[in-house]
């Protein structure tokens, strides 16, 4: 579809107000980068609707409505993500059956050594929550972070440890380290 002179005039008005639109979004989103992304998406989504506007003067008011709707969607999505992370952070992992201490000592001792090679905050959360049985919300309080951030940190620490075990132990990690013969020489 070719752009008419009227469409071109509307686009010129919108582009001329780019900085105003960006300031509007950045002030409500707290991040200029997020605001730029949202503004770009709004511009792209609005391209096919410009032809519906008859007066270039009404384009600015119309586009502010588009931005307010996009902003509401962004907050809705962000709220859903925050709630999901919050549920994850508040969830306390439970073990269904008590661990046999002999089995725990036997199963890949190298995992503890590998945990020591992780970033300090990852070592700390694993030691406190997984080894020390501290609830995530209590860890968050002692670390001075939100429970959501503590849950994310715990997830990332476990993921980093898992990757380190696979990288170091290779095939024995596929078998849950029951027959560990990796670098530590156990078994």
Protein backbone atom coordinates (compact mmCIF):
# COMPACT_ATOMS: atom_id res chain seq x y z
CA UNK A 1 0.00 0.00 0.00
CA UNK A 2 1.49 3.32 -1.08
CA UNK A 3 1.67 6.18 1.38
CA UNK A 4 -0.48 9.18 0.49
CA UNK A 5 0.44 12.81 1.09
CA UNK A 6 -1.89 12.87 4.11
CA UNK A 7 -0.24 9.73 5.52
CA UNK A 8 3.15 11.32 4.99
CA UNK A 9 2.03 14.46 6.83
CA UNK A 10 0.82 12.37 9.78
CA UNK A 11 4.10 10.47 9.90
CA UNK A 12 6.03 13.74 9.80
CA UNK A 13 4.07 15.00 12.80
CA UNK A 14 4.69 11.77 14.73
CA UNK A 15 8.41 11.76 13.95
CA UNK A 16 8.68 15.43 14.91
CA UNK A 17 7.25 14.53 18.35
CA UNK A 18 9.53 11.54 18.86
CA UNK A 19 11.42 13.10 21.81
CA UNK A 20 8.17 14.13 23.54
CA UNK A 21 6.80 10.59 23.17
CA UNK A 22 10.04 9.14 24.47
CA UNK A 23 10.07 11.46 27.49
CA UNK A 24 6.43 10.54 28.20
CA UNK A 25 7.28 6.81 28.24
CA UNK A 26 10.64 7.07 30.02
CA UNK A 27 9.06 9.02 32.86
CA UNK A 28 6.50 6.28 33.39
CA UNK A 29 8.74 3.27 32.79
CA UNK A 30 11.87 4.30 34.65
CA UNK A 31 14.14 3.08 31.87
CA UNK A 32 14.99 4.98 28.72
CA UNK A 33 15.99 1.75 26.95
CA UNK A 34 12.62 0.13 27.72
CA UNK A 35 10.88 3.34 26.64
CA UNK A 36 12.76 3.36 23.33
CA UNK A 37 11.78 -0.26 22.68
CA UNK A 38 8.13 0.39 23.48
CA UNK A 39 8.06 3.54 21.36
CA UNK A 40 9.61 1.72 18.41
CA UNK A 41 7.04 -1.09 18.71
CA UNK A 42 4.22 1.45 18.88
CA UNK A 43 5.49 3.23 15.77
CA UNK A 44 5.70 -0.06 13.85
CA UNK A 45 2.26 -1.25 14.95
CA UNK A 46 0.72 2.11 14.06
CA UNK A 47 2.05 2.36 10.52
CA UNK A 48 -0.95 0.68 8.94
CA UNK A 49 -3.40 2.80 10.96
CA UNK A 50 -2.08 6.23 9.97
CA UNK A 51 -4.24 6.23 6.86
CA UNK A 52 -7.33 6.28 9.11
CA UNK A 53 -6.37 9.71 10.45
CA UNK A 54 -7.69 12.57 8.38
CA UNK A 55 -6.08 15.43 10.24
CA UNK A 56 -2.33 15.46 11.03
CA UNK A 57 -3.11 17.69 14.04
CA UNK A 58 -5.06 14.89 15.72
CA UNK A 59 -2.15 12.47 15.19
CA UNK A 60 -0.35 13.48 18.39
CA UNK A 61 -3.40 12.96 20.62
CA UNK A 62 -4.15 9.67 18.85
CA UNK A 63 -0.58 8.44 19.27
CA UNK A 64 -0.58 9.32 22.99
CA UNK A 65 -3.64 7.02 23.30
CA UNK A 66 -1.67 4.32 21.47
CA UNK A 67 1.24 4.83 23.88
CA UNK A 68 -1.00 4.74 26.97
CA UNK A 69 -2.47 1.43 25.76
CA UNK A 70 1.02 0.05 25.03
CA UNK A 71 2.16 1.21 28.47
CA UNK A 72 -0.80 -0.52 30.14
CA UNK A 73 0.06 -3.74 28.29
CA UNK A 74 3.71 -3.39 29.33
CA UNK A 75 2.77 -2.95 33.00
CA UNK A 76 0.36 -5.88 32.81
CA UNK A 77 3.07 -8.12 31.33
CA UNK A 78 5.66 -6.89 33.81
CA UNK A 79 3.25 -7.50 36.68
CA UNK A 80 2.69 -11.07 35.52
CA UNK A 81 6.45 -11.65 35.33
CA UNK A 82 6.97 -10.15 38.81
CA UNK A 83 4.20 -12.31 40.26
CA UNK A 84 5.71 -15.44 38.69
CA UNK A 85 9.16 -14.59 40.03
CA UNK A 86 7.68 -13.80 43.41
CA UNK A 87 5.94 -17.17 43.54
CA UNK A 88 9.19 -18.86 42.55
CA UNK A 89 11.16 -16.90 45.13
CA UNK A 90 8.65 -17.60 47.90
CA UNK A 91 8.42 -21.29 47.08
CA UNK A 92 10.32 -23.42 49.49
CA UNK A 93 11.77 -26.51 47.94
CA UNK A 94 10.91 -29.57 49.92
CA UNK A 95 12.47 -32.97 49.81
CA UNK A 96 9.87 -35.70 49.81
CA UNK A 97 12.02 -38.29 51.56
CA UNK A 98 14.80 -37.64 54.06
CA UNK A 99 18.27 -37.87 52.57
CA UNK A 100 20.46 -40.75 53.65
CA UNK A 101 23.67 -39.11 54.96
CA UNK A 102 25.84 -41.93 53.59
CA UNK A 103 24.29 -41.53 50.15
CA UNK A 104 24.76 -37.76 50.32
CA UNK A 105 28.46 -38.18 51.12
CA UNK A 106 28.84 -40.70 48.32
CA UNK A 107 27.12 -38.72 45.57
CA UNK A 108 29.68 -36.68 43.65
CA UNK A 109 31.66 -34.82 46.26
CA UNK A 110 33.01 -32.71 43.45
CA UNK A 111 29.73 -30.75 43.36
CA UNK A 112 30.72 -29.07 46.61
CA UNK A 113 34.16 -28.28 45.23
CA UNK A 114 32.61 -26.93 42.05
CA UNK A 115 30.19 -24.77 44.05
CA UNK A 116 33.24 -23.08 45.55
CA UNK A 117 34.24 -21.92 42.05
CA UNK A 118 31.00 -20.00 41.51
CA UNK A 119 30.46 -16.28 42.05
CA UNK A 120 30.38 -15.40 45.79
CA UNK A 121 26.66 -14.56 45.80
CA UNK A 122 25.87 -17.91 44.14
CA UNK A 123 28.04 -19.81 46.65
CA UNK A 124 26.33 -17.97 49.47
CA UNK A 125 22.76 -18.68 48.36
CA UNK A 126 23.52 -22.36 47.68
CA UNK A 127 25.23 -22.76 51.06
CA UNK A 128 22.43 -20.99 52.91
CA UNK A 129 19.35 -22.37 51.17
CA UNK A 130 20.33 -25.75 49.72
CA UNK A 131 22.91 -26.90 52.26
CA UNK A 132 21.79 -24.88 55.27
CA UNK A 133 18.04 -25.46 54.78
CA UNK A 134 17.37 -21.73 55.18
CA UNK A 135 14.06 -20.59 53.67
CA UNK A 136 14.49 -18.34 50.64
CA UNK A 137 12.68 -15.45 52.34
CA UNK A 138 15.05 -15.65 55.32
CA UNK A 139 18.05 -15.70 53.00
CA UNK A 140 16.64 -12.64 51.22
CA UNK A 141 16.39 -10.79 54.52
CA UNK A 142 19.99 -11.64 55.54
CA UNK A 143 21.35 -10.78 52.08
CA UNK A 144 19.43 -7.50 52.01
CA UNK A 145 17.54 -8.31 48.81
CA UNK A 146 13.91 -8.96 47.96
CA UNK A 147 12.51 -12.51 48.12
CA UNK A 148 11.96 -12.32 44.36
CA UNK A 149 15.62 -11.48 43.77
CA UNK A 150 16.65 -14.24 46.17
CA UNK A 151 14.58 -16.76 44.22
CA UNK A 152 16.12 -15.63 40.96
CA UNK A 153 19.60 -15.77 42.47
CA UNK A 154 18.98 -19.29 43.77
CA UNK A 155 17.71 -20.41 40.37
CA UNK A 156 20.72 -18.93 38.59
CA UNK A 157 23.13 -20.39 41.14
CA UNK A 158 21.67 -23.86 40.69
CA UNK A 159 21.82 -23.46 36.94
CA UNK A 160 25.46 -22.31 37.09
CA UNK A 161 26.37 -25.24 39.34
CA UNK A 162 24.56 -27.67 37.03
CA UNK A 163 26.48 -26.29 34.04
CA UNK A 164 29.77 -26.52 35.95
CA UNK A 165 29.07 -30.14 36.93
CA UNK A 166 28.23 -31.11 33.35
CA UNK A 167 31.28 -29.26 32.06
CA UNK A 168 33.61 -30.90 34.56
CA UNK A 169 32.11 -34.33 35.15
CA UNK A 170 30.77 -34.97 31.65
CA UNK A 171 29.27 -38.46 31.45
CA UNK A 172 29.05 -39.17 35.15
CA UNK A 173 26.74 -36.16 35.48
CA UNK A 174 24.34 -37.85 33.05
CA UNK A 175 23.98 -40.62 35.63
CA UNK A 176 23.38 -38.24 38.53
CA UNK A 177 27.01 -38.57 39.66
CA UNK A 178 26.40 -41.94 41.28
CA UNK A 179 29.59 -43.37 39.78
CA UNK A 180 31.67 -40.23 39.85
CA UNK A 181 35.15 -40.67 38.50
CA UNK A 182 35.79 -37.09 37.54
CA UNK A 183 38.61 -34.79 38.54
CA UNK A 184 38.29 -35.33 42.29
CA UNK A 185 39.07 -39.02 41.97
CA UNK A 186 36.25 -40.20 44.20
CA UNK A 187 34.98 -43.73 43.82
